[in-house]
N, C-alpha and C. Protein backbone atom coordinates (compact mmCIF):
# COMPACT_ATOMS: atom_id res chain seq x y z
N MET A 1 -29.61 -98.81 7.82
CA MET A 1 -29.55 -99.22 6.43
C MET A 1 -30.37 -100.45 6.20
N GLY A 2 -30.29 -101.43 7.14
CA GLY A 2 -31.05 -102.67 6.97
C GLY A 2 -32.54 -102.40 6.86
N SER A 3 -33.05 -101.47 7.67
CA SER A 3 -34.44 -101.14 7.64
C SER A 3 -34.84 -100.54 6.27
N VAL A 4 -33.98 -99.65 5.75
CA VAL A 4 -34.23 -99.06 4.45
C VAL A 4 -34.28 -100.10 3.35
N MET A 5 -33.37 -101.05 3.43
CA MET A 5 -33.31 -102.13 2.43
C MET A 5 -34.56 -103.01 2.51
N ARG A 6 -35.03 -103.30 3.70
CA ARG A 6 -36.23 -104.07 3.81
C ARG A 6 -37.45 -103.35 3.21
N VAL A 7 -37.55 -102.09 3.47
CA VAL A 7 -38.64 -101.30 2.89
C VAL A 7 -38.52 -101.29 1.37
N SER A 8 -37.32 -101.15 0.88
CA SER A 8 -37.10 -101.13 -0.57
C SER A 8 -37.50 -102.45 -1.20
N ARG A 9 -37.15 -103.54 -0.57
CA ARG A 9 -37.54 -104.86 -1.12
C ARG A 9 -39.04 -105.05 -1.08
N ALA A 10 -39.65 -104.59 0.01
CA ALA A 10 -41.12 -104.70 0.13
C ALA A 10 -41.81 -103.87 -0.95
N GLN A 11 -41.26 -102.65 -1.21
CA GLN A 11 -41.86 -101.81 -2.22
C GLN A 11 -41.69 -102.42 -3.62
N ALA A 12 -40.46 -103.00 -3.82
CA ALA A 12 -40.20 -103.62 -5.12
C ALA A 12 -41.19 -104.80 -5.38
N GLU A 13 -41.46 -105.56 -4.35
CA GLU A 13 -42.38 -106.71 -4.50
C GLU A 13 -43.79 -106.21 -4.73
N GLU A 14 -44.14 -105.10 -4.08
CA GLU A 14 -45.49 -104.52 -4.30
C GLU A 14 -45.61 -103.99 -5.73
N ASN A 15 -44.53 -103.37 -6.24
CA ASN A 15 -44.51 -102.89 -7.61
C ASN A 15 -44.66 -104.03 -8.61
N ARG A 16 -43.94 -105.09 -8.33
CA ARG A 16 -44.04 -106.30 -9.17
C ARG A 16 -45.43 -106.85 -9.19
N ARG A 17 -46.05 -106.93 -8.02
CA ARG A 17 -47.42 -107.46 -7.94
C ARG A 17 -48.39 -106.58 -8.73
N ALA A 18 -48.19 -105.25 -8.63
CA ALA A 18 -49.08 -104.32 -9.36
C ALA A 18 -48.92 -104.48 -10.85
N VAL A 19 -47.75 -104.68 -11.33
CA VAL A 19 -47.51 -104.84 -12.77
C VAL A 19 -48.15 -106.15 -13.28
N ILE A 20 -47.95 -107.20 -12.50
CA ILE A 20 -48.55 -108.52 -12.88
C ILE A 20 -50.08 -108.42 -12.91
N GLU A 21 -50.64 -107.73 -11.94
CA GLU A 21 -52.10 -107.58 -11.88
C GLU A 21 -52.58 -106.76 -13.06
N ALA A 22 -51.95 -105.66 -13.37
CA ALA A 22 -52.33 -104.82 -14.49
C ALA A 22 -52.17 -105.55 -15.79
N ALA A 23 -51.10 -106.30 -15.93
CA ALA A 23 -50.85 -107.04 -17.15
C ALA A 23 -51.90 -108.10 -17.38
N GLY A 24 -52.34 -108.78 -16.36
CA GLY A 24 -53.38 -109.78 -16.47
C GLY A 24 -54.62 -109.20 -17.06
N ARG A 25 -55.00 -108.01 -16.67
CA ARG A 25 -56.16 -107.37 -17.23
C ARG A 25 -55.94 -106.85 -18.61
N LEU A 26 -54.83 -106.18 -18.83
CA LEU A 26 -54.56 -105.54 -20.15
C LEU A 26 -54.30 -106.55 -21.23
N PHE A 27 -53.65 -107.66 -20.91
CA PHE A 27 -53.45 -108.71 -21.95
C PHE A 27 -54.77 -109.27 -22.37
N ARG A 28 -55.73 -109.44 -21.44
CA ARG A 28 -57.04 -109.95 -21.83
C ARG A 28 -57.78 -108.95 -22.70
N GLU A 29 -57.59 -107.70 -22.41
CA GLU A 29 -58.31 -106.66 -23.16
C GLU A 29 -57.72 -106.42 -24.56
N HIS A 30 -56.40 -106.46 -24.66
CA HIS A 30 -55.71 -106.04 -25.90
C HIS A 30 -54.89 -107.13 -26.57
N GLY A 31 -54.72 -108.27 -25.92
CA GLY A 31 -53.82 -109.31 -26.48
C GLY A 31 -52.39 -109.05 -26.06
N PHE A 32 -51.53 -110.01 -26.18
CA PHE A 32 -50.14 -109.91 -25.76
C PHE A 32 -49.39 -108.84 -26.61
N ASP A 33 -49.71 -108.76 -27.86
CA ASP A 33 -48.99 -107.84 -28.75
C ASP A 33 -49.70 -106.50 -28.92
N GLY A 34 -50.90 -106.36 -28.31
CA GLY A 34 -51.67 -105.16 -28.48
C GLY A 34 -51.42 -104.11 -27.42
N ILE A 35 -50.49 -104.36 -26.53
CA ILE A 35 -50.20 -103.45 -25.44
C ILE A 35 -48.68 -103.38 -25.23
N GLY A 36 -48.13 -102.21 -25.17
CA GLY A 36 -46.69 -102.03 -25.00
C GLY A 36 -46.25 -101.93 -23.54
N LEU A 37 -44.93 -102.04 -23.35
CA LEU A 37 -44.40 -101.99 -21.99
C LEU A 37 -44.71 -100.69 -21.31
N ASN A 38 -44.70 -99.61 -22.02
CA ASN A 38 -44.94 -98.30 -21.39
C ASN A 38 -46.36 -98.24 -20.83
N ASP A 39 -47.32 -98.73 -21.59
CA ASP A 39 -48.71 -98.73 -21.15
C ASP A 39 -48.91 -99.72 -19.98
N LEU A 40 -48.26 -100.87 -20.05
CA LEU A 40 -48.34 -101.86 -18.98
C LEU A 40 -47.83 -101.30 -17.67
N MET A 41 -46.67 -100.63 -17.74
CA MET A 41 -46.11 -100.08 -16.50
C MET A 41 -46.93 -98.88 -16.04
N GLY A 42 -47.40 -98.10 -16.98
CA GLY A 42 -48.20 -96.94 -16.61
C GLY A 42 -49.48 -97.33 -15.89
N ALA A 43 -50.07 -98.46 -16.33
CA ALA A 43 -51.28 -98.91 -15.67
C ALA A 43 -51.06 -99.31 -14.25
N ALA A 44 -49.81 -99.63 -13.93
CA ALA A 44 -49.44 -99.98 -12.53
C ALA A 44 -48.92 -98.79 -11.79
N GLY A 45 -48.93 -97.61 -12.44
CA GLY A 45 -48.44 -96.40 -11.78
C GLY A 45 -46.90 -96.31 -11.76
N LEU A 46 -46.23 -97.01 -12.69
CA LEU A 46 -44.78 -97.03 -12.74
C LEU A 46 -44.27 -96.60 -14.10
N THR A 47 -43.00 -96.39 -14.21
CA THR A 47 -42.36 -96.03 -15.49
C THR A 47 -41.72 -97.23 -16.13
N GLN A 48 -41.53 -97.17 -17.40
CA GLN A 48 -40.96 -98.31 -18.13
C GLN A 48 -39.52 -98.62 -17.68
N GLY A 49 -38.85 -97.63 -17.15
CA GLY A 49 -37.43 -97.81 -16.79
C GLY A 49 -37.22 -98.91 -15.75
N GLY A 50 -38.21 -99.16 -14.90
CA GLY A 50 -38.04 -100.17 -13.86
C GLY A 50 -38.45 -101.55 -14.29
N PHE A 51 -38.89 -101.73 -15.55
CA PHE A 51 -39.43 -103.01 -15.93
C PHE A 51 -38.41 -104.15 -15.82
N TYR A 52 -37.19 -103.92 -16.35
CA TYR A 52 -36.21 -105.01 -16.39
C TYR A 52 -35.54 -105.28 -15.04
N LYS A 53 -35.90 -104.51 -14.03
CA LYS A 53 -35.47 -104.85 -12.68
C LYS A 53 -36.37 -105.92 -12.12
N GLN A 54 -37.57 -106.06 -12.69
CA GLN A 54 -38.57 -107.02 -12.19
C GLN A 54 -38.79 -108.20 -13.07
N PHE A 55 -38.58 -108.05 -14.37
CA PHE A 55 -38.92 -109.13 -15.33
C PHE A 55 -37.80 -109.25 -16.39
N ARG A 56 -37.58 -110.49 -16.85
CA ARG A 56 -36.54 -110.70 -17.84
C ARG A 56 -36.96 -110.17 -19.20
N SER A 57 -38.25 -110.25 -19.49
CA SER A 57 -38.74 -109.83 -20.77
C SER A 57 -40.27 -109.69 -20.68
N LYS A 58 -40.86 -109.23 -21.77
CA LYS A 58 -42.30 -109.15 -21.83
C LYS A 58 -42.92 -110.54 -21.78
N ASP A 59 -42.27 -111.53 -22.44
CA ASP A 59 -42.74 -112.88 -22.37
C ASP A 59 -42.74 -113.44 -20.91
N ASP A 60 -41.72 -113.06 -20.19
CA ASP A 60 -41.63 -113.46 -18.75
C ASP A 60 -42.81 -112.89 -18.01
N LEU A 61 -43.12 -111.60 -18.24
CA LEU A 61 -44.27 -110.99 -17.58
C LEU A 61 -45.56 -111.70 -18.01
N ALA A 62 -45.68 -112.04 -19.29
CA ALA A 62 -46.89 -112.72 -19.78
C ALA A 62 -47.10 -114.05 -19.04
N VAL A 63 -46.02 -114.81 -18.86
CA VAL A 63 -46.13 -116.06 -18.17
C VAL A 63 -46.56 -115.85 -16.74
N GLN A 64 -45.94 -114.90 -16.04
CA GLN A 64 -46.29 -114.66 -14.65
C GLN A 64 -47.72 -114.13 -14.47
N ALA A 65 -48.11 -113.22 -15.38
CA ALA A 65 -49.45 -112.68 -15.30
C ALA A 65 -50.49 -113.74 -15.57
N CYS A 66 -50.24 -114.58 -16.57
CA CYS A 66 -51.21 -115.62 -16.93
C CYS A 66 -51.26 -116.70 -15.80
N GLU A 67 -50.13 -117.01 -15.21
CA GLU A 67 -50.13 -117.98 -14.11
C GLU A 67 -51.03 -117.47 -13.00
N ARG A 68 -50.96 -116.22 -12.67
CA ARG A 68 -51.75 -115.64 -11.59
C ARG A 68 -53.22 -115.64 -11.94
N VAL A 69 -53.58 -115.17 -13.17
CA VAL A 69 -54.97 -115.14 -13.58
C VAL A 69 -55.57 -116.52 -13.60
N LEU A 70 -54.83 -117.46 -14.18
CA LEU A 70 -55.36 -118.82 -14.28
C LEU A 70 -55.54 -119.51 -12.92
N ALA A 71 -54.60 -119.23 -12.02
CA ALA A 71 -54.68 -119.81 -10.67
C ALA A 71 -55.90 -119.26 -9.94
N GLU A 72 -56.14 -117.92 -10.07
CA GLU A 72 -57.26 -117.31 -9.41
C GLU A 72 -58.58 -117.85 -9.97
N SER A 73 -58.61 -118.01 -11.28
CA SER A 73 -59.83 -118.53 -11.92
C SER A 73 -60.12 -119.96 -11.48
N SER A 74 -59.06 -120.80 -11.41
CA SER A 74 -59.24 -122.17 -10.94
C SER A 74 -59.76 -122.19 -9.50
N GLU A 75 -59.23 -121.32 -8.68
CA GLU A 75 -59.65 -121.26 -7.27
C GLU A 75 -61.12 -120.90 -7.17
N LYS A 76 -61.53 -119.93 -7.99
CA LYS A 76 -62.95 -119.51 -7.97
C LYS A 76 -63.86 -120.65 -8.39
N MET A 77 -63.45 -121.36 -9.45
CA MET A 77 -64.26 -122.46 -9.94
C MET A 77 -64.29 -123.60 -8.92
N ALA A 78 -63.15 -123.87 -8.32
CA ALA A 78 -63.11 -124.94 -7.31
C ALA A 78 -63.95 -124.60 -6.12
N SER A 79 -64.03 -123.33 -5.75
CA SER A 79 -64.83 -122.91 -4.59
C SER A 79 -66.30 -123.19 -4.79
N VAL A 80 -66.76 -123.13 -6.04
CA VAL A 80 -68.15 -123.46 -6.33
C VAL A 80 -68.42 -124.90 -6.01
N VAL A 81 -67.49 -125.78 -6.41
CA VAL A 81 -67.65 -127.21 -6.15
C VAL A 81 -67.56 -127.49 -4.66
N GLU A 82 -66.63 -126.83 -3.97
CA GLU A 82 -66.42 -127.09 -2.56
C GLU A 82 -67.48 -126.44 -1.65
N SER A 83 -68.30 -125.57 -2.21
CA SER A 83 -69.34 -124.86 -1.43
C SER A 83 -70.47 -125.77 -1.01
N GLY A 84 -70.54 -126.94 -1.63
CA GLY A 84 -71.64 -127.88 -1.31
C GLY A 84 -72.94 -127.54 -2.03
N ALA A 85 -72.86 -126.72 -3.09
CA ALA A 85 -74.05 -126.39 -3.86
C ALA A 85 -74.67 -127.63 -4.44
N ASP A 86 -76.02 -127.61 -4.60
CA ASP A 86 -76.75 -128.79 -5.11
C ASP A 86 -76.34 -129.12 -6.54
N ASP A 87 -76.03 -128.11 -7.32
CA ASP A 87 -75.73 -128.31 -8.74
C ASP A 87 -74.53 -127.41 -9.14
N PRO A 88 -73.34 -127.81 -8.76
CA PRO A 88 -72.20 -126.92 -9.03
C PRO A 88 -71.92 -126.76 -10.53
N LEU A 89 -72.20 -127.80 -11.33
CA LEU A 89 -72.00 -127.63 -12.74
C LEU A 89 -72.89 -126.54 -13.32
N ALA A 90 -74.14 -126.57 -12.93
CA ALA A 90 -75.08 -125.51 -13.42
C ALA A 90 -74.61 -124.12 -12.95
N SER A 91 -74.09 -124.03 -11.77
CA SER A 91 -73.57 -122.75 -11.26
C SER A 91 -72.41 -122.27 -12.10
N ILE A 92 -71.47 -123.18 -12.39
CA ILE A 92 -70.25 -122.83 -13.15
C ILE A 92 -70.66 -122.41 -14.56
N VAL A 93 -71.48 -123.22 -15.20
CA VAL A 93 -71.92 -122.94 -16.58
C VAL A 93 -72.71 -121.62 -16.64
N GLY A 94 -73.57 -121.41 -15.65
CA GLY A 94 -74.41 -120.20 -15.64
C GLY A 94 -73.54 -118.94 -15.47
N GLN A 95 -72.54 -119.00 -14.61
CA GLN A 95 -71.65 -117.83 -14.42
C GLN A 95 -70.78 -117.60 -15.63
N TYR A 96 -70.28 -118.70 -16.17
CA TYR A 96 -69.37 -118.54 -17.35
C TYR A 96 -70.08 -118.05 -18.58
N LEU A 97 -71.24 -118.63 -18.88
CA LEU A 97 -71.98 -118.30 -20.09
C LEU A 97 -72.99 -117.18 -19.81
N SER A 98 -72.58 -116.16 -19.10
CA SER A 98 -73.45 -115.04 -18.79
C SER A 98 -73.11 -113.81 -19.60
N CYS A 99 -74.00 -112.93 -19.78
CA CYS A 99 -73.71 -111.68 -20.46
C CYS A 99 -72.70 -110.85 -19.70
N GLU A 100 -72.76 -110.92 -18.41
CA GLU A 100 -71.79 -110.16 -17.58
C GLU A 100 -70.36 -110.63 -17.85
N HIS A 101 -70.16 -111.92 -17.91
CA HIS A 101 -68.82 -112.47 -18.25
C HIS A 101 -68.42 -112.06 -19.67
N ARG A 102 -69.34 -112.18 -20.58
CA ARG A 102 -69.07 -111.78 -21.97
C ARG A 102 -68.60 -110.34 -22.08
N ASP A 103 -69.20 -109.47 -21.32
CA ASP A 103 -68.91 -108.01 -21.45
C ASP A 103 -67.70 -107.57 -20.64
N ASN A 104 -67.20 -108.39 -19.74
CA ASN A 104 -66.05 -108.02 -18.89
C ASN A 104 -64.84 -108.80 -19.32
N VAL A 105 -64.33 -108.50 -20.49
CA VAL A 105 -63.18 -109.22 -21.09
C VAL A 105 -61.97 -109.13 -20.16
N GLY A 106 -61.68 -107.96 -19.64
CA GLY A 106 -60.48 -107.76 -18.85
C GLY A 106 -60.47 -108.50 -17.52
N GLU A 107 -61.64 -108.92 -17.07
CA GLU A 107 -61.73 -109.67 -15.81
C GLU A 107 -62.21 -111.09 -16.03
N GLY A 108 -62.31 -111.51 -17.27
CA GLY A 108 -62.89 -112.82 -17.57
C GLY A 108 -61.88 -113.89 -17.90
N CYS A 109 -62.36 -114.93 -18.54
CA CYS A 109 -61.58 -116.11 -18.80
C CYS A 109 -60.43 -115.85 -19.76
N LEU A 110 -59.27 -116.28 -19.33
CA LEU A 110 -58.05 -116.06 -20.13
C LEU A 110 -58.07 -116.90 -21.38
N PHE A 111 -58.62 -118.11 -21.32
CA PHE A 111 -58.69 -119.00 -22.47
C PHE A 111 -59.42 -118.32 -23.62
N ALA A 112 -60.55 -117.74 -23.33
CA ALA A 112 -61.37 -117.13 -24.36
C ALA A 112 -60.76 -115.84 -24.86
N ALA A 113 -60.09 -115.12 -23.97
CA ALA A 113 -59.54 -113.80 -24.33
C ALA A 113 -58.29 -113.92 -25.19
N VAL A 114 -57.36 -114.79 -24.83
CA VAL A 114 -56.05 -114.82 -25.49
C VAL A 114 -55.58 -116.23 -25.82
N GLY A 115 -56.44 -117.24 -25.75
CA GLY A 115 -56.01 -118.64 -26.01
C GLY A 115 -55.29 -118.80 -27.32
N PRO A 116 -55.89 -118.42 -28.47
CA PRO A 116 -55.21 -118.61 -29.75
C PRO A 116 -53.89 -117.79 -29.83
N ASP A 117 -53.91 -116.63 -29.22
CA ASP A 117 -52.70 -115.78 -29.22
C ASP A 117 -51.58 -116.48 -28.40
N ALA A 118 -51.96 -117.11 -27.28
CA ALA A 118 -50.95 -117.75 -26.42
C ALA A 118 -50.27 -118.90 -27.15
N ALA A 119 -51.04 -119.60 -27.99
CA ALA A 119 -50.50 -120.74 -28.71
C ALA A 119 -49.36 -120.38 -29.65
N ARG A 120 -49.30 -119.09 -29.99
CA ARG A 120 -48.23 -118.61 -30.93
C ARG A 120 -47.03 -118.00 -30.15
N HIS A 121 -47.08 -118.04 -28.83
CA HIS A 121 -46.03 -117.41 -28.06
C HIS A 121 -45.03 -118.47 -27.51
N SER A 122 -44.36 -118.14 -26.46
CA SER A 122 -43.26 -118.95 -25.93
C SER A 122 -43.76 -120.31 -25.42
N PRO A 123 -42.89 -121.32 -25.47
CA PRO A 123 -43.24 -122.63 -24.93
C PRO A 123 -43.62 -122.54 -23.42
N ALA A 124 -43.00 -121.65 -22.72
CA ALA A 124 -43.32 -121.50 -21.30
C ALA A 124 -44.77 -121.04 -21.12
N LEU A 125 -45.22 -120.15 -22.00
CA LEU A 125 -46.61 -119.67 -21.90
C LEU A 125 -47.59 -120.80 -22.31
N VAL A 126 -47.26 -121.53 -23.32
CA VAL A 126 -48.12 -122.66 -23.74
C VAL A 126 -48.18 -123.66 -22.62
N GLN A 127 -47.09 -123.95 -21.92
CA GLN A 127 -47.08 -124.90 -20.81
C GLN A 127 -47.97 -124.39 -19.66
N THR A 128 -47.94 -123.10 -19.43
CA THR A 128 -48.82 -122.50 -18.40
C THR A 128 -50.26 -122.76 -18.71
N PHE A 129 -50.64 -122.54 -19.96
CA PHE A 129 -52.03 -122.75 -20.36
C PHE A 129 -52.39 -124.23 -20.29
N GLU A 130 -51.48 -125.09 -20.74
CA GLU A 130 -51.80 -126.52 -20.72
C GLU A 130 -52.00 -127.03 -19.29
N ALA A 131 -51.15 -126.58 -18.37
CA ALA A 131 -51.31 -127.00 -16.98
C ALA A 131 -52.63 -126.49 -16.42
N SER A 132 -53.05 -125.34 -16.80
CA SER A 132 -54.37 -124.80 -16.30
C SER A 132 -55.52 -125.51 -16.90
N ILE A 133 -55.42 -125.89 -18.17
CA ILE A 133 -56.50 -126.63 -18.80
C ILE A 133 -56.71 -127.94 -18.07
N LYS A 134 -55.60 -128.62 -17.71
CA LYS A 134 -55.72 -129.86 -16.95
C LYS A 134 -56.37 -129.64 -15.61
N SER A 135 -56.01 -128.52 -14.95
CA SER A 135 -56.66 -128.19 -13.68
C SER A 135 -58.14 -127.92 -13.80
N TYR A 136 -58.50 -127.18 -14.84
CA TYR A 136 -59.93 -126.87 -15.12
C TYR A 136 -60.70 -128.18 -15.33
N LEU A 137 -60.08 -129.12 -16.12
CA LEU A 137 -60.79 -130.38 -16.39
C LEU A 137 -61.03 -131.17 -15.10
N GLN A 138 -60.08 -131.17 -14.21
CA GLN A 138 -60.25 -131.85 -12.93
C GLN A 138 -61.40 -131.24 -12.13
N ILE A 139 -61.45 -129.91 -12.13
CA ILE A 139 -62.46 -129.23 -11.36
C ILE A 139 -63.83 -129.48 -11.97
N LEU A 140 -63.91 -129.42 -13.29
CA LEU A 140 -65.17 -129.66 -13.97
C LEU A 140 -65.66 -131.10 -13.78
N ASP A 141 -64.69 -132.01 -13.78
CA ASP A 141 -65.04 -133.42 -13.49
C ASP A 141 -65.66 -133.57 -12.12
N ALA A 142 -65.06 -132.88 -11.14
CA ALA A 142 -65.59 -132.92 -9.77
C ALA A 142 -67.00 -132.29 -9.75
N ALA A 143 -67.16 -131.22 -10.49
CA ALA A 143 -68.47 -130.53 -10.54
C ALA A 143 -69.51 -131.45 -11.14
N ILE A 144 -69.15 -132.14 -12.19
CA ILE A 144 -70.07 -133.07 -12.86
C ILE A 144 -70.46 -134.21 -11.88
N GLN A 145 -69.46 -134.73 -11.20
CA GLN A 145 -69.75 -135.83 -10.24
C GLN A 145 -70.59 -135.38 -9.07
N SER A 146 -70.54 -134.10 -8.69
CA SER A 146 -71.26 -133.57 -7.58
C SER A 146 -72.64 -133.01 -7.95
N SER A 147 -72.97 -133.07 -9.26
CA SER A 147 -74.24 -132.50 -9.73
C SER A 147 -75.23 -133.59 -10.11
N PRO A 148 -76.50 -133.26 -10.13
CA PRO A 148 -77.50 -134.23 -10.62
C PRO A 148 -77.19 -134.54 -12.07
N PRO A 149 -77.53 -135.73 -12.56
CA PRO A 149 -77.28 -136.06 -13.95
C PRO A 149 -78.12 -135.12 -14.85
N HIS A 150 -77.42 -134.48 -15.83
CA HIS A 150 -78.16 -133.57 -16.70
C HIS A 150 -78.58 -134.25 -18.02
N GLY A 151 -78.01 -135.41 -18.30
CA GLY A 151 -78.40 -136.12 -19.50
C GLY A 151 -77.95 -135.52 -20.79
N ALA A 152 -77.08 -134.54 -20.72
CA ALA A 152 -76.61 -133.88 -21.93
C ALA A 152 -75.13 -134.04 -22.12
N GLN A 153 -74.36 -133.64 -21.13
CA GLN A 153 -72.91 -133.67 -21.28
C GLN A 153 -72.25 -133.99 -19.97
N SER A 154 -71.43 -135.03 -19.98
CA SER A 154 -70.75 -135.44 -18.75
C SER A 154 -69.24 -135.52 -18.98
N ASP A 155 -68.76 -135.09 -20.12
CA ASP A 155 -67.35 -135.11 -20.44
C ASP A 155 -66.78 -133.72 -20.12
N PRO A 156 -65.88 -133.61 -19.15
CA PRO A 156 -65.35 -132.30 -18.75
C PRO A 156 -64.64 -131.59 -19.90
N ALA A 157 -63.98 -132.30 -20.81
CA ALA A 157 -63.33 -131.65 -21.93
C ALA A 157 -64.37 -131.02 -22.85
N ALA A 158 -65.48 -131.72 -23.05
CA ALA A 158 -66.55 -131.16 -23.91
C ALA A 158 -67.19 -129.94 -23.20
N VAL A 159 -67.36 -130.02 -21.92
CA VAL A 159 -67.94 -128.87 -21.20
C VAL A 159 -67.04 -127.65 -21.32
N LEU A 160 -65.73 -127.83 -21.09
CA LEU A 160 -64.80 -126.69 -21.18
C LEU A 160 -64.74 -126.15 -22.61
N SER A 161 -64.65 -127.03 -23.57
CA SER A 161 -64.58 -126.61 -25.00
C SER A 161 -65.84 -125.84 -25.39
N THR A 162 -67.00 -126.32 -24.99
CA THR A 162 -68.22 -125.65 -25.34
C THR A 162 -68.35 -124.28 -24.67
N MET A 163 -67.97 -124.19 -23.41
CA MET A 163 -68.03 -122.91 -22.71
C MET A 163 -67.13 -121.87 -23.35
N VAL A 164 -65.87 -122.28 -23.55
CA VAL A 164 -64.92 -121.34 -24.12
C VAL A 164 -65.28 -120.94 -25.52
N GLY A 165 -65.67 -121.91 -26.35
CA GLY A 165 -66.03 -121.60 -27.73
C GLY A 165 -67.24 -120.69 -27.79
N ALA A 166 -68.25 -120.96 -26.97
CA ALA A 166 -69.45 -120.12 -27.00
C ALA A 166 -69.16 -118.71 -26.57
N LEU A 167 -68.29 -118.57 -25.56
CA LEU A 167 -67.94 -117.22 -25.12
C LEU A 167 -67.24 -116.43 -26.18
N VAL A 168 -66.29 -117.09 -26.85
CA VAL A 168 -65.58 -116.45 -27.93
C VAL A 168 -66.53 -115.96 -29.01
N LEU A 169 -67.43 -116.83 -29.47
CA LEU A 169 -68.37 -116.52 -30.53
C LEU A 169 -69.34 -115.40 -30.09
N SER A 170 -69.75 -115.44 -28.83
CA SER A 170 -70.71 -114.43 -28.35
C SER A 170 -70.09 -113.04 -28.40
N ARG A 171 -68.76 -112.94 -28.27
CA ARG A 171 -68.07 -111.66 -28.31
C ARG A 171 -67.77 -111.19 -29.74
N LEU A 172 -67.92 -112.10 -30.65
CA LEU A 172 -67.58 -111.78 -32.06
C LEU A 172 -68.72 -111.13 -32.84
N VAL A 173 -69.92 -111.20 -32.34
CA VAL A 173 -71.10 -110.70 -33.04
C VAL A 173 -71.62 -109.43 -32.33
N LYS A 174 -72.05 -108.45 -33.14
CA LYS A 174 -72.60 -107.20 -32.62
C LYS A 174 -74.10 -107.33 -32.35
N ASP A 175 -74.71 -108.30 -32.97
CA ASP A 175 -76.17 -108.52 -32.78
C ASP A 175 -76.39 -109.08 -31.38
N GLU A 176 -77.01 -108.31 -30.52
CA GLU A 176 -77.15 -108.71 -29.10
C GLU A 176 -78.00 -109.96 -29.00
N ASN A 177 -79.07 -110.07 -29.79
CA ASN A 177 -79.91 -111.27 -29.71
C ASN A 177 -79.19 -112.51 -30.15
N LEU A 178 -78.38 -112.41 -31.18
CA LEU A 178 -77.57 -113.52 -31.62
C LEU A 178 -76.52 -113.90 -30.57
N SER A 179 -75.91 -112.90 -29.99
CA SER A 179 -74.90 -113.16 -28.92
C SER A 179 -75.51 -113.91 -27.78
N ARG A 180 -76.66 -113.48 -27.35
CA ARG A 180 -77.34 -114.13 -26.23
C ARG A 180 -77.82 -115.58 -26.62
N GLN A 181 -78.19 -115.71 -27.89
CA GLN A 181 -78.63 -117.02 -28.36
C GLN A 181 -77.46 -118.01 -28.31
N ILE A 182 -76.27 -117.55 -28.66
CA ILE A 182 -75.11 -118.42 -28.62
C ILE A 182 -74.85 -118.89 -27.19
N LEU A 183 -74.90 -117.94 -26.25
CA LEU A 183 -74.68 -118.25 -24.85
C LEU A 183 -75.76 -119.22 -24.30
N ASP A 184 -77.01 -118.91 -24.62
CA ASP A 184 -78.12 -119.69 -24.11
C ASP A 184 -78.16 -121.08 -24.76
N SER A 185 -77.82 -121.17 -26.03
CA SER A 185 -77.82 -122.46 -26.69
C SER A 185 -76.75 -123.35 -26.12
N ALA A 186 -75.55 -122.79 -25.82
CA ALA A 186 -74.49 -123.58 -25.26
C ALA A 186 -74.90 -124.05 -23.82
N THR A 187 -75.53 -123.15 -23.08
CA THR A 187 -76.00 -123.54 -21.75
C THR A 187 -76.99 -124.68 -21.84
N GLY A 188 -77.93 -124.55 -22.77
CA GLY A 188 -78.93 -125.58 -22.96
C GLY A 188 -78.33 -126.90 -23.34
N SER A 189 -77.30 -126.86 -24.19
CA SER A 189 -76.65 -128.07 -24.64
C SER A 189 -75.93 -128.74 -23.48
N LEU A 190 -75.30 -128.00 -22.63
CA LEU A 190 -74.52 -128.56 -21.57
C LEU A 190 -75.42 -129.07 -20.42
N LEU A 191 -76.52 -128.41 -20.20
CA LEU A 191 -77.38 -128.76 -19.05
C LEU A 191 -78.67 -129.38 -19.47
N ASN A 192 -78.80 -129.72 -20.76
CA ASN A 192 -80.04 -130.37 -21.25
C ASN A 192 -81.26 -129.53 -20.98
N ARG A 193 -81.15 -128.23 -21.31
CA ARG A 193 -82.26 -127.29 -21.11
C ARG A 193 -82.56 -126.64 -22.44
N ASP A 194 -83.73 -126.02 -22.49
CA ASP A 194 -84.11 -125.17 -23.63
C ASP A 194 -83.36 -123.86 -23.46
N GLY A 195 -82.43 -123.58 -24.33
CA GLY A 195 -81.57 -122.42 -24.19
C GLY A 195 -82.17 -121.11 -24.69
N SER A 196 -83.42 -121.14 -25.14
CA SER A 196 -83.98 -119.95 -25.73
C SER A 196 -84.65 -119.01 -24.76
N THR A 197 -84.91 -119.47 -23.53
CA THR A 197 -85.73 -118.70 -22.62
C THR A 197 -85.15 -117.37 -22.24
N GLU A 198 -83.85 -117.33 -21.92
CA GLU A 198 -83.26 -116.06 -21.44
C GLU A 198 -83.27 -115.00 -22.53
N ALA A 199 -82.90 -115.37 -23.75
CA ALA A 199 -82.87 -114.40 -24.85
C ALA A 199 -84.28 -113.88 -25.13
N GLU A 200 -85.30 -114.79 -25.11
CA GLU A 200 -86.65 -114.39 -25.37
C GLU A 200 -87.19 -113.47 -24.29
N ALA A 201 -86.84 -113.78 -23.03
CA ALA A 201 -87.30 -112.99 -21.92
C ALA A 201 -86.75 -111.58 -21.95
N SER A 202 -85.57 -111.43 -22.54
CA SER A 202 -84.91 -110.14 -22.58
C SER A 202 -85.42 -109.31 -23.75
């Protein structure tokens, strides 16, 4: 019996992990209110009936899913700084303000995907985002300190705000040239470069 129980607990934890992972992607793609429990559970290969065995509510799932996504994103950004790259700020900005990031909403930045939506949800979710913003700012400050002076922007709050805002706007326009111009202009502003070259080259 003990062995069966251990397997059952292990499977339950695996199911919970799968739901959190699926929710992190689907919330970014559809928003917190744009996806129902049935679809969330279905994306994890489970039925809605088991949801309340794992989570107190949809808000509880949102908090856990966002915590995981934000932690993973922070780790990826920190790894750029810790890699010893000559210009970690340029690497972070270049990856963030790329067309690839723009087009992959479900795998991209949570701030840009659901930030305004999160502000209208539970205090626990807002606290999760606030804690992550503080973490991002620390990482960006370290990136700035480890990079050559760019002469444009050295305030981590301005860097984060510019990146997130530019990504949001780039996704709002259907004109591909304008979308790229927004990304390139933000990159140029942050790194003191001419932001027109990538869009013109394309």
